[in-house]
Amino acid sequence: MNKNLEKKSKNILKLENLKGLKRIVYKGNYYKFNQNPALKKYLIEAKGLILVETSPYDKIWGIGLSEEDPRAWDSNQWLGTNWLGIVLTRLRDDLIKKEKI
C-alpha cells in the first residue's frame, strides 16, 4: 500500500473514532449538568451564545487558540474544530427545549 494513502487512511479512522467520542462527551456532560443545578443554570444562562473551548494546545476539542488571542473572537480564524464548544452548545439548546425555557 502507498505510504501516503496508508497515513491518510489512518488519519480518517482516527477522525471517525473522534466523532464517536462526541456522543460520549455529550452524554457525560448531560449527566454532569443535570446533577448540578448551579452548573446547569450557568450553562442555560449562556443562551444564544456560541460556546468555545479556548485551548491553544487542542485543535480538535478546542479552537487551537488561547482566550487572550484576538483571533479567538473570529470563528473564521480558529485553528481548531471547537468540538467541545459545539457539544456544549447543543446540550444547552437541548436542555432549553426540554425545559421549555
PDB file of N, CA and C in Angstrom:
ATOM      1  N   MET A   1       0.847  -1.175   0.000  1.00  0.00           N
ATOM      2  CA  MET A   1       0.000   0.000   0.000  1.00  0.00           C
ATOM      3  C   MET A   1       0.895   1.240   0.000  1.00  0.00           C
ATOM      4  N   ASN A   2       0.493   2.236  -0.736  1.00  0.00           N
ATOM      5  CA  ASN A   2       1.194   3.516  -0.779  1.00  0.00           C
ATOM      6  C   ASN A   2       1.249   4.106   0.631  1.00  0.00           C
ATOM      7  N   LYS A   3       2.454   4.563   1.059  1.00  0.00           N
ATOM      8  CA  LYS A   3       2.607   5.078   2.431  1.00  0.00           C
ATOM      9  C   LYS A   3       1.741   6.298   2.688  1.00  0.00           C
ATOM     10  N   ASN A   4       1.607   7.185   1.696  1.00  0.00           N
ATOM     11  CA  ASN A   4       0.750   8.362   1.879  1.00  0.00           C
ATOM     12  C   ASN A   4      -0.705   7.959   2.042  1.00  0.00           C
ATOM     13  N   LEU A   5      -1.141   7.003   1.230  1.00  0.00           N
ATOM     14  CA  LEU A   5      -2.517   6.517   1.314  1.00  0.00           C
ATOM     15  C   LEU A   5      -2.758   5.847   2.663  1.00  0.00           C
ATOM     16  N   GLU A   6      -1.780   5.079   3.112  1.00  0.00           N
ATOM     17  CA  GLU A   6      -1.901   4.408   4.406  1.00  0.00           C
ATOM     18  C   GLU A   6      -2.014   5.437   5.536  1.00  0.00           C
ATOM     19  N   LYS A   7      -1.205   6.482   5.478  1.00  0.00           N
ATOM     20  CA  LYS A   7      -1.250   7.531   6.502  1.00  0.00           C
ATOM     21  C   LYS A   7      -2.603   8.250   6.480  1.00  0.00           C
ATOM     22  N   LYS A   8      -3.097   8.561   5.261  1.00  0.00           N
ATOM     23  CA  LYS A   8      -4.401   9.220   5.142  1.00  0.00           C
ATOM     24  C   LYS A   8      -5.509   8.335   5.697  1.00  0.00           C
ATOM     25  N   SER A   9      -5.427   7.019   5.409  1.00  0.00           N
ATOM     26  CA  SER A   9      -6.436   6.083   5.907  1.00  0.00           C
ATOM     27  C   SER A   9      -6.444   6.056   7.428  1.00  0.00           C
ATOM     28  N   LYS A  10      -5.256   6.038   8.034  1.00  0.00           N
ATOM     29  CA  LYS A  10      -5.171   6.031   9.497  1.00  0.00           C
ATOM     30  C   LYS A  10      -5.740   7.319  10.074  1.00  0.00           C
ATOM     31  N   ASN A  11      -5.460   8.444   9.426  1.00  0.00           N
ATOM     32  CA  ASN A  11      -5.991   9.724   9.905  1.00  0.00           C
ATOM     33  C   ASN A  11      -7.508   9.768   9.803  1.00  0.00           C
ATOM     34  N   ILE A  12      -8.055   9.202   8.728  1.00  0.00           N
ATOM     35  CA  ILE A  12      -9.510   9.156   8.561  1.00  0.00           C
ATOM     36  C   ILE A  12     -10.125   8.291   9.654  1.00  0.00           C
ATOM     37  N   LEU A  13      -9.502   7.144   9.941  1.00  0.00           N
ATOM     38  CA  LEU A  13     -10.011   6.275  11.001  1.00  0.00           C
ATOM     39  C   LEU A  13      -9.960   6.977  12.352  1.00  0.00           C
ATOM     40  N   LYS A  14      -8.889   7.703  12.631  1.00  0.00           N
ATOM     41  CA  LYS A  14      -8.790   8.446  13.883  1.00  0.00           C
ATOM     42  C   LYS A  14      -9.904   9.482  13.972  1.00  0.00           C
ATOM     43  N   LEU A  15     -10.163  10.181  12.880  1.00  0.00           N
ATOM     44  CA  LEU A  15     -11.202  11.202  12.860  1.00  0.00           C
ATOM     45  C   LEU A  15     -12.569  10.581  13.110  1.00  0.00           C
ATOM     46  N   GLU A  16     -12.842   9.437  12.485  1.00  0.00           N
ATOM     47  CA  GLU A  16     -14.126   8.764  12.689  1.00  0.00           C
ATOM     48  C   GLU A  16     -14.285   8.335  14.143  1.00  0.00           C
ATOM     49  N   ASN A  17     -13.202   7.836  14.758  1.00  0.00           N
ATOM     50  CA  ASN A  17     -13.264   7.457  16.170  1.00  0.00           C
ATOM     51  C   ASN A  17     -13.532   8.676  17.043  1.00  0.00           C
ATOM     52  N   LEU A  18     -12.925   9.797  16.711  1.00  0.00           N
ATOM     53  CA  LEU A  18     -13.145  11.025  17.477  1.00  0.00           C
ATOM     54  C   LEU A  18     -14.586  11.496  17.359  1.00  0.00           C
ATOM     55  N   LYS A  19     -15.179  11.330  16.180  1.00  0.00           N
ATOM     56  CA  LYS A  19     -16.575  11.738  16.007  1.00  0.00           C
ATOM     57  C   LYS A  19     -17.487  10.937  16.933  1.00  0.00           C
ATOM     58  N   GLY A  20     -17.186   9.656  17.118  1.00  0.00           N
ATOM     59  CA  GLY A  20     -17.956   8.832  18.044  1.00  0.00           C
ATOM     60  C   GLY A  20     -17.813   9.315  19.479  1.00  0.00           C
ATOM     61  N   LEU A  21     -16.674   9.901  19.768  1.00  0.00           N
ATOM     62  CA  LEU A  21     -16.441  10.430  21.109  1.00  0.00           C
ATOM     63  C   LEU A  21     -17.357  11.606  21.425  1.00  0.00           C
ATOM     64  N   LYS A  22     -17.801  12.324  20.415  1.00  0.00           N
ATOM     65  CA  LYS A  22     -18.700  13.463  20.663  1.00  0.00           C
ATOM     66  C   LYS A  22     -19.971  13.007  21.376  1.00  0.00           C
ATOM     67  N   ARG A  23     -20.480  11.843  20.989  1.00  0.00           N
ATOM     68  CA  ARG A  23     -21.687  11.312  21.647  1.00  0.00           C
ATOM     69  C   ARG A  23     -21.411  11.021  23.124  1.00  0.00           C
ATOM     70  N   ILE A  24     -20.228  10.458  23.385  1.00  0.00           N
ATOM     71  CA  ILE A  24     -19.856  10.131  24.759  1.00  0.00           C
ATOM     72  C   ILE A  24     -19.696  11.406  25.579  1.00  0.00           C
ATOM     73  N   VAL A  25     -19.042  12.406  25.011  1.00  0.00           N
ATOM     74  CA  VAL A  25     -18.840  13.679  25.706  1.00  0.00           C
ATOM     75  C   VAL A  25     -20.187  14.357  25.956  1.00  0.00           C
ATOM     76  N   TYR A  26     -21.099  14.265  24.998  1.00  0.00           N
ATOM     77  CA  TYR A  26     -22.441  14.830  25.177  1.00  0.00           C
ATOM     78  C   TYR A  26     -23.123  14.166  26.376  1.00  0.00           C
ATOM     79  N   LYS A  27     -23.125  12.826  26.383  1.00  0.00           N
ATOM     80  CA  LYS A  27     -23.800  12.100  27.467  1.00  0.00           C
ATOM     81  C   LYS A  27     -23.183  12.419  28.824  1.00  0.00           C
ATOM     82  N   GLY A  28     -21.862  12.412  28.886  1.00  0.00           N
ATOM     83  CA  GLY A  28     -21.183  12.714  30.146  1.00  0.00           C
ATOM     84  C   GLY A  28     -21.541  14.096  30.658  1.00  0.00           C
ATOM     85  N   ASN A  29     -21.568  15.064  29.763  1.00  0.00           N
ATOM     86  CA  ASN A  29     -21.914  16.428  30.160  1.00  0.00           C
ATOM     87  C   ASN A  29     -23.399  16.563  30.476  1.00  0.00           C
ATOM     88  N   TYR A  30     -24.233  15.783  29.805  1.00  0.00           N
ATOM     89  CA  TYR A  30     -25.665  15.773  30.117  1.00  0.00           C
ATOM     90  C   TYR A  30     -25.866  15.408  31.590  1.00  0.00           C
ATOM     91  N   TYR A  31     -25.221  14.319  32.007  1.00  0.00           N
ATOM     92  CA  TYR A  31     -25.351  13.884  33.401  1.00  0.00           C
ATOM     93  C   TYR A  31     -24.698  14.885  34.350  1.00  0.00           C
ATOM     94  N   LYS A  32     -23.563  15.416  33.966  1.00  0.00           N
ATOM     95  CA  LYS A  32     -22.852  16.398  34.802  1.00  0.00           C
ATOM     96  C   LYS A  32     -23.735  17.613  35.082  1.00  0.00           C
ATOM     97  N   PHE A  33     -24.322  18.180  34.037  1.00  0.00           N
ATOM     98  CA  PHE A  33     -25.117  19.394  34.216  1.00  0.00           C
ATOM     99  C   PHE A  33     -26.466  19.112  34.870  1.00  0.00           C
ATOM    100  N   ASN A  34     -27.019  17.926  34.653  1.00  0.00           N
ATOM    101  CA  ASN A  34     -28.291  17.597  35.297  1.00  0.00           C
ATOM    102  C   ASN A  34     -28.127  17.237  36.769  1.00  0.00           C
ATOM    103  N   GLN A  35     -26.934  16.858  37.191  1.00  0.00           N
ATOM    104  CA  GLN A  35     -26.684  16.545  38.600  1.00  0.00           C
ATOM    105  C   GLN A  35     -26.322  17.784  39.408  1.00  0.00           C
ATOM    106  N   ASN A  36     -26.002  18.863  38.731  1.00  0.00           N
ATOM    107  CA  ASN A  36     -25.561  20.070  39.429  1.00  0.00           C
ATOM    108  C   ASN A  36     -26.406  21.255  38.954  1.00  0.00           C
ATOM    109  N   PRO A  37     -27.456  21.593  39.706  1.00  0.00           N
ATOM    110  CA  PRO A  37     -28.357  22.666  39.285  1.00  0.00           C
ATOM    111  C   PRO A  37     -27.665  24.011  39.041  1.00  0.00           C
ATOM    112  N   ALA A  38     -26.645  24.327  39.822  1.00  0.00           N
ATOM    113  CA  ALA A  38     -25.942  25.608  39.641  1.00  0.00           C
ATOM    114  C   ALA A  38     -25.197  25.632  38.304  1.00  0.00           C
ATOM    115  N   LEU A  39     -24.544  24.520  37.967  1.00  0.00           N
ATOM    116  CA  LEU A  39     -23.848  24.440  36.674  1.00  0.00           C
ATOM    117  C   LEU A  39     -24.840  24.482  35.518  1.00  0.00           C
ATOM    118  N   LYS A  40     -25.946  23.769  35.688  1.00  0.00           N
ATOM    119  CA  LYS A  40     -26.977  23.742  34.651  1.00  0.00           C
ATOM    120  C   LYS A  40     -27.532  25.145  34.408  1.00  0.00           C
ATOM    121  N   LYS A  41     -27.796  25.863  35.487  1.00  0.00           N
ATOM    122  CA  LYS A  41     -28.298  27.239  35.377  1.00  0.00           C
ATOM    123  C   LYS A  41     -27.278  28.116  34.650  1.00  0.00           C
ATOM    124  N   TYR A  42     -26.022  27.961  34.995  1.00  0.00           N
ATOM    125  CA  TYR A  42     -24.939  28.728  34.370  1.00  0.00           C
ATOM    126  C   TYR A  42     -24.875  28.450  32.862  1.00  0.00           C
ATOM    127  N   LEU A  43     -25.013  27.165  32.497  1.00  0.00           N
ATOM    128  CA  LEU A  43     -24.989  26.787  31.078  1.00  0.00           C
ATOM    129  C   LEU A  43     -26.193  27.375  30.348  1.00  0.00           C
ATOM    130  N   ILE A  44     -27.366  27.258  30.937  1.00  0.00           N
ATOM    131  CA  ILE A  44     -28.588  27.757  30.306  1.00  0.00           C
ATOM    132  C   ILE A  44     -28.561  29.279  30.169  1.00  0.00           C
ATOM    133  N   GLU A  45     -27.942  29.952  31.127  1.00  0.00           N
ATOM    134  CA  GLU A  45     -27.847  31.416  31.058  1.00  0.00           C
ATOM    135  C   GLU A  45     -26.987  31.892  29.886  1.00  0.00           C
ATOM    136  N   ALA A  46     -26.244  30.983  29.284  1.00  0.00           N
ATOM    137  CA  ALA A  46     -25.439  31.323  28.106  1.00  0.00           C
ATOM    138  C   ALA A  46     -26.262  31.188  26.822  1.00  0.00           C
ATOM    139  N   LYS A  47     -27.585  31.186  26.973  1.00  0.00           N
ATOM    140  CA  LYS A  47     -28.498  31.046  25.832  1.00  0.00           C
ATOM    141  C   LYS A  47     -28.164  32.068  24.747  1.00  0.00           C
ATOM    142  N   GLY A  48     -28.068  31.574  23.516  1.00  0.00           N
ATOM    143  CA  GLY A  48     -27.806  32.447  22.381  1.00  0.00           C
ATOM    144  C   GLY A  48     -26.332  32.683  22.095  1.00  0.00           C
ATOM    145  N   LEU A  49     -25.466  32.263  23.010  1.00  0.00           N
ATOM    146  CA  LEU A  49     -24.029  32.447  22.797  1.00  0.00           C
ATOM    147  C   LEU A  49     -23.412  31.194  22.185  1.00  0.00           C
ATOM    148  N   ILE A  50     -22.361  31.370  21.439  1.00  0.00           N
ATOM    149  CA  ILE A  50     -21.596  30.239  20.924  1.00  0.00           C
ATOM    150  C   ILE A  50     -20.557  29.903  21.980  1.00  0.00           C
ATOM    151  N   LEU A  51     -20.595  28.681  22.469  1.00  0.00           N
ATOM    152  CA  LEU A  51     -19.636  28.260  23.487  1.00  0.00           C
ATOM    153  C   LEU A  51     -18.345  27.818  22.808  1.00  0.00           C
ATOM    154  N   VAL A  52     -17.231  28.204  23.404  1.00  0.00           N
ATOM    155  CA  VAL A  52     -15.928  27.972  22.777  1.00  0.00           C
ATOM    156  C   VAL A  52     -14.956  27.401  23.798  1.00  0.00           C
ATOM    157  N   GLU A  53     -14.245  26.368  23.407  1.00  0.00           N
ATOM    158  CA  GLU A  53     -13.148  25.826  24.210  1.00  0.00           C
ATOM    159  C   GLU A  53     -11.872  26.501  23.732  1.00  0.00           C
ATOM    160  N   THR A  54     -11.392  27.473  24.504  1.00  0.00           N
ATOM    161  CA  THR A  54     -10.183  28.202  24.116  1.00  0.00           C
ATOM    162  C   THR A  54      -8.968  27.497  24.698  1.00  0.00           C
ATOM    163  N   SER A  55      -8.364  26.683  23.884  1.00  0.00           N
ATOM    164  CA  SER A  55      -7.141  25.988  24.270  1.00  0.00           C
ATOM    165  C   SER A  55      -6.155  26.086  23.119  1.00  0.00           C
ATOM    166  N   PRO A  56      -4.991  26.685  23.364  1.00  0.00           N
ATOM    167  CA  PRO A  56      -4.009  26.785  22.288  1.00  0.00           C
ATOM    168  C   PRO A  56      -3.384  25.431  21.954  1.00  0.00           C
ATOM    169  N   TYR A  57      -3.621  24.429  22.798  1.00  0.00           N
ATOM    170  CA  TYR A  57      -2.994  23.120  22.612  1.00  0.00           C
ATOM    171  C   TYR A  57      -3.935  22.083  22.013  1.00  0.00           C
ATOM    172  N   ASP A  58      -5.193  22.409  21.875  1.00  0.00           N
ATOM    173  CA  ASP A  58      -6.174  21.424  21.413  1.00  0.00           C
ATOM    174  C   ASP A  58      -6.905  21.945  20.186  1.00  0.00           C
ATOM    175  N   LYS A  59      -6.629  21.321  19.049  1.00  0.00           N
ATOM    176  CA  LYS A  59      -7.260  21.749  17.800  1.00  0.00           C
ATOM    177  C   LYS A  59      -8.441  20.862  17.420  1.00  0.00           C
ATOM    178  N   ILE A  60      -8.739  19.892  18.244  1.00  0.00           N
ATOM    179  CA  ILE A  60      -9.893  19.039  17.967  1.00  0.00           C
ATOM    180  C   ILE A  60     -11.058  19.462  18.861  1.00  0.00           C
ATOM    181  N   TRP A  61     -10.883  19.382  20.165  1.00  0.00           N
ATOM    182  CA  TRP A  61     -11.947  19.764  21.090  1.00  0.00           C
ATOM    183  C   TRP A  61     -12.008  21.267  21.277  1.00  0.00           C
ATOM    184  N   GLY A  62     -10.894  21.943  21.055  1.00  0.00           N
ATOM    185  CA  GLY A  62     -10.837  23.393  21.217  1.00  0.00           C
ATOM    186  C   GLY A  62     -10.634  24.109  19.896  1.00  0.00           C
ATOM    187  N   ILE A  63     -10.322  25.404  19.994  1.00  0.00           N
ATOM    188  CA  ILE A  63     -10.139  26.213  18.780  1.00  0.00           C
ATOM    189  C   ILE A  63      -8.670  26.407  18.424  1.00  0.00           C
ATOM    190  N   GLY A  64      -7.778  25.849  19.232  1.00  0.00           N
ATOM    191  CA  GLY A  64      -6.355  25.971  18.937  1.00  0.00           C
ATOM    192  C   GLY A  64      -5.792  27.349  19.231  1.00  0.00           C
ATOM    193  N   LEU A  65      -6.543  28.135  19.988  1.00  0.00           N
ATOM    194  CA  LEU A  65      -6.119  29.498  20.338  1.00  0.00           C
ATOM    195  C   LEU A  65      -6.415  29.745  21.813  1.00  0.00           C
ATOM    196  N   SER A  66      -5.627  30.616  22.427  1.00  0.00           N
ATOM    197  CA  SER A  66      -5.874  30.961  23.830  1.00  0.00           C
ATOM    198  C   SER A  66      -6.985  32.004  23.926  1.00  0.00           C
ATOM    199  N   GLU A  67      -7.510  32.145  25.098  1.00  0.00           N
ATOM    200  CA  GLU A  67      -8.562  33.132  25.362  1.00  0.00           C
ATOM    201  C   GLU A  67      -8.070  34.554  25.088  1.00  0.00           C
ATOM    202  N   GLU A  68      -6.786  34.782  25.298  1.00  0.00           N
ATOM    203  CA  GLU A  68      -6.213  36.118  25.106  1.00  0.00           C
ATOM    204  C   GLU A  68      -5.932  36.448  23.639  1.00  0.00           C
ATOM    205  N   ASP A  69      -5.922  35.445  22.785  1.00  0.00           N
ATOM    206  CA  ASP A  69      -5.619  35.662  21.366  1.00  0.00           C
ATOM    207  C   ASP A  69      -6.803  36.357  20.693  1.00  0.00           C
ATOM    208  N   PRO A  70      -6.597  37.512  20.063  1.00  0.00           N
ATOM    209  CA  PRO A  70      -7.701  38.240  19.418  1.00  0.00           C
ATOM    210  C   PRO A  70      -8.419  37.420  18.342  1.00  0.00           C
ATOM    211  N   ARG A  71      -7.732  36.459  17.753  1.00  0.00           N
ATOM    212  CA  ARG A  71      -8.361  35.617  16.718  1.00  0.00           C
ATOM    213  C   ARG A  71      -9.456  34.726  17.295  1.00  0.00           C
ATOM    214  N   ALA A  72      -9.447  34.530  18.611  1.00  0.00           N
ATOM    215  CA  ALA A  72     -10.462  33.686  19.249  1.00  0.00           C
ATOM    216  C   ALA A  72     -11.865  34.266  19.085  1.00  0.00           C
ATOM    217  N   TRP A  73     -11.962  35.555  18.830  1.00  0.00           N
ATOM    218  CA  TRP A  73     -13.262  36.218  18.663  1.00  0.00           C
ATOM    219  C   TRP A  73     -13.831  36.073  17.257  1.00  0.00           C
ATOM    220  N   ASP A  74     -13.038  35.518  16.339  1.00  0.00           N
ATOM    221  CA  ASP A  74     -13.468  35.375  14.943  1.00  0.00           C
ATOM    222  C   ASP A  74     -13.367  33.907  14.543  1.00  0.00           C
ATOM    223  N   SER A  75     -14.511  33.243  14.428  1.00  0.00           N
ATOM    224  CA  SER A  75     -14.507  31.805  14.132  1.00  0.00           C
ATOM    225  C   SER A  75     -13.824  31.473  12.808  1.00  0.00           C
ATOM    226  N   ASN A  76     -13.734  32.433  11.910  1.00  0.00           N
ATOM    227  CA  ASN A  76     -13.030  32.196  10.650  1.00  0.00           C
ATOM    228  C   ASN A  76     -11.521  32.072  10.848  1.00  0.00           C
ATOM    229  N   GLN A  77     -11.031  32.517  11.986  1.00  0.00           N
ATOM    230  CA  GLN A  77      -9.597  32.465  12.253  1.00  0.00           C
ATOM    231  C   GLN A  77      -9.208  31.346  13.225  1.00  0.00           C
ATOM    232  N   TRP A  78     -10.184  30.573  13.663  1.00  0.00           N
ATOM    233  CA  TRP A  78      -9.882  29.480  14.578  1.00  0.00           C
ATOM    234  C   TRP A  78      -8.997  28.456  13.897  1.00  0.00           C
ATOM    235  N   LEU A  79      -8.106  27.865  14.658  1.00  0.00           N
ATOM    236  CA  LEU A  79      -7.198  26.845  14.146  1.00  0.00           C
ATOM    237  C   LEU A  79      -7.714  25.437  14.423  1.00  0.00           C
ATOM    238  N   GLY A  80      -8.755  25.332  15.223  1.00  0.00           N
ATOM    239  CA  GLY A  80      -9.303  24.027  15.591  1.00  0.00           C
ATOM    240  C   GLY A  80     -10.791  23.931  15.308  1.00  0.00           C
ATOM    241  N   THR A  81     -11.360  22.776  15.655  1.00  0.00           N
ATOM    242  CA  THR A  81     -12.756  22.476  15.322  1.00  0.00           C
ATOM    243  C   THR A  81     -13.766  22.910  16.387  1.00  0.00           C
ATOM    244  N   ASN A  82     -13.306  23.114  17.629  1.00  0.00           N
ATOM    245  CA  ASN A  82     -14.183  23.508  18.739  1.00  0.00           C
ATOM    246  C   ASN A  82     -15.270  22.469  19.019  1.00  0.00           C
ATOM    247  N   TRP A  83     -14.934  21.199  18.913  1.00  0.00           N
ATOM    248  CA  TRP A  83     -15.935  20.161  19.142  1.00  0.00           C
ATOM    249  C   TRP A  83     -16.548  20.245  20.533  1.00  0.00           C
ATOM    250  N   LEU A  84     -15.761  20.559  21.562  1.00  0.00           N
ATOM    251  CA  LEU A  84     -16.339  20.653  22.906  1.00  0.00           C
ATOM    252  C   LEU A  84     -17.347  21.795  22.967  1.00  0.00           C
ATOM    253  N   GLY A  85     -17.015  22.908  22.383  1.00  0.00           N
ATOM    254  CA  GLY A  85     -17.949  24.030  22.347  1.00  0.00           C
ATOM    255  C   GLY A  85     -19.228  23.676  21.605  1.00  0.00           C
ATOM    256  N   ILE A  86     -19.087  22.951  20.512  1.00  0.00           N
ATOM    257  CA  ILE A  86     -20.252  22.527  19.725  1.00  0.00           C
ATOM    258  C   ILE A  86     -21.127  21.586  20.547  1.00  0.00           C
ATOM    259  N   VAL A  87     -20.502  20.623  21.212  1.00  0.00           N
ATOM    260  CA  VAL A  87     -21.252  19.669  22.038  1.00  0.00           C
ATOM    261  C   VAL A  87     -21.982  20.400  23.168  1.00  0.00           C
ATOM    262  N   LEU A  88     -21.286  21.300  23.851  1.00  0.00           N
ATOM    263  CA  LEU A  88     -21.910  22.024  24.966  1.00  0.00           C
ATOM    264  C   LEU A  88     -23.012  22.970  24.492  1.00  0.00           C
ATOM    265  N   THR A  89     -22.826  23.575  23.336  1.00  0.00           N
ATOM    266  CA  THR A  89     -23.864  24.446  22.778  1.00  0.00           C
ATOM    267  C   THR A  89     -25.106  23.623  22.445  1.00  0.00           C
ATOM    268  N   ARG A  90     -24.900  22.455  21.839  1.00  0.00           N
ATOM    269  CA  ARG A  90     -26.029  21.582  21.507  1.00  0.00           C
ATOM    270  C   ARG A  90     -26.732  21.103  22.774  1.00  0.00           C
ATOM    271  N   LEU A  91     -25.945  20.714  23.771  1.00  0.00           N
ATOM    272  CA  LEU A  91     -26.518  20.269  25.043  1.00  0.00           C
ATOM    273  C   LEU A  91     -27.341  21.385  25.676  1.00  0.00           C
ATOM    274  N   ARG A  92     -26.791  22.577  25.709  1.00  0.00           N
ATOM    275  CA  ARG A  92     -27.507  23.722  26.281  1.00  0.00           C
ATOM    276  C   ARG A  92     -28.829  23.946  25.554  1.00  0.00           C
ATOM    277  N   ASP A  93     -28.789  23.938  24.231  1.00  0.00           N
ATOM    278  CA  ASP A  93     -30.011  24.150  23.451  1.00  0.00           C
ATOM    279  C   ASP A  93     -31.023  23.033  23.694  1.00  0.00           C
ATOM    280  N   ASP A  94     -30.542  21.798  23.830  1.00  0.00           N
ATOM    281  CA  ASP A  94     -31.436  20.673  24.129  1.00  0.00           C
ATOM    282  C   ASP A  94     -32.070  20.829  25.514  1.00  0.00           C
ATOM    283  N   LEU A  95     -31.290  21.272  26.487  1.00  0.00           N
ATOM    284  CA  LEU A  95     -31.829  21.482  27.840  1.00  0.00           C
ATOM    285  C   LEU A  95     -32.884  22.586  27.838  1.00  0.00           C
ATOM    286  N   ILE A  96     -32.634  23.637  27.083  1.00  0.00           N
ATOM    287  CA  ILE A  96     -33.595  24.747  26.987  1.00  0.00           C
ATOM    288  C   ILE A  96     -34.903  24.262  26.368  1.00  0.00           C
ATOM    289  N   LYS A  97     -34.808  23.462  25.303  1.00  0.00           N
ATOM    290  CA  LYS A  97     -36.020  22.917  24.662  1.00  0.00           C
ATOM    291  C   LYS A  97     -36.766  21.997  25.622  1.00  0.00           C
ATOM    292  N   LYS A  98     -36.010  21.128  26.305  1.00  0.00           N
ATOM    293  CA  LYS A  98     -36.621  20.159  27.223  1.00  0.00           C
ATOM    294  C   LYS A  98     -37.355  20.869  28.359  1.00  0.00           C
ATOM    295  N   GLU A  99     -36.774  21.925  28.859  1.00  0.00           N
ATOM    296  CA  GLU A  99     -37.374  22.642  29.982  1.00  0.00           C
ATOM    297  C   GLU A  99     -38.272  23.787  29.531  1.00  0.00           C
ATOM    298  N   LYS A 100     -38.401  23.938  28.215  1.00  0.00           N
ATOM    299  CA  LYS A 100     -39.256  24.970  27.615  1.00  0.00           C
ATOM    300  C   LYS A 100     -38.966  26.355  28.186  1.00  0.00           C
ATOM    301  N   ILE A 101     -37.685  26.693  28.147  1.00  0.00           N
ATOM    302  CA  ILE A 101     -37.241  27.996  28.671  1.00  0.00           C
ATOM    303  C   ILE A 101     -37.268  29.019  27.557  1.00  0.00           C
TER     304      ILE A 101
END
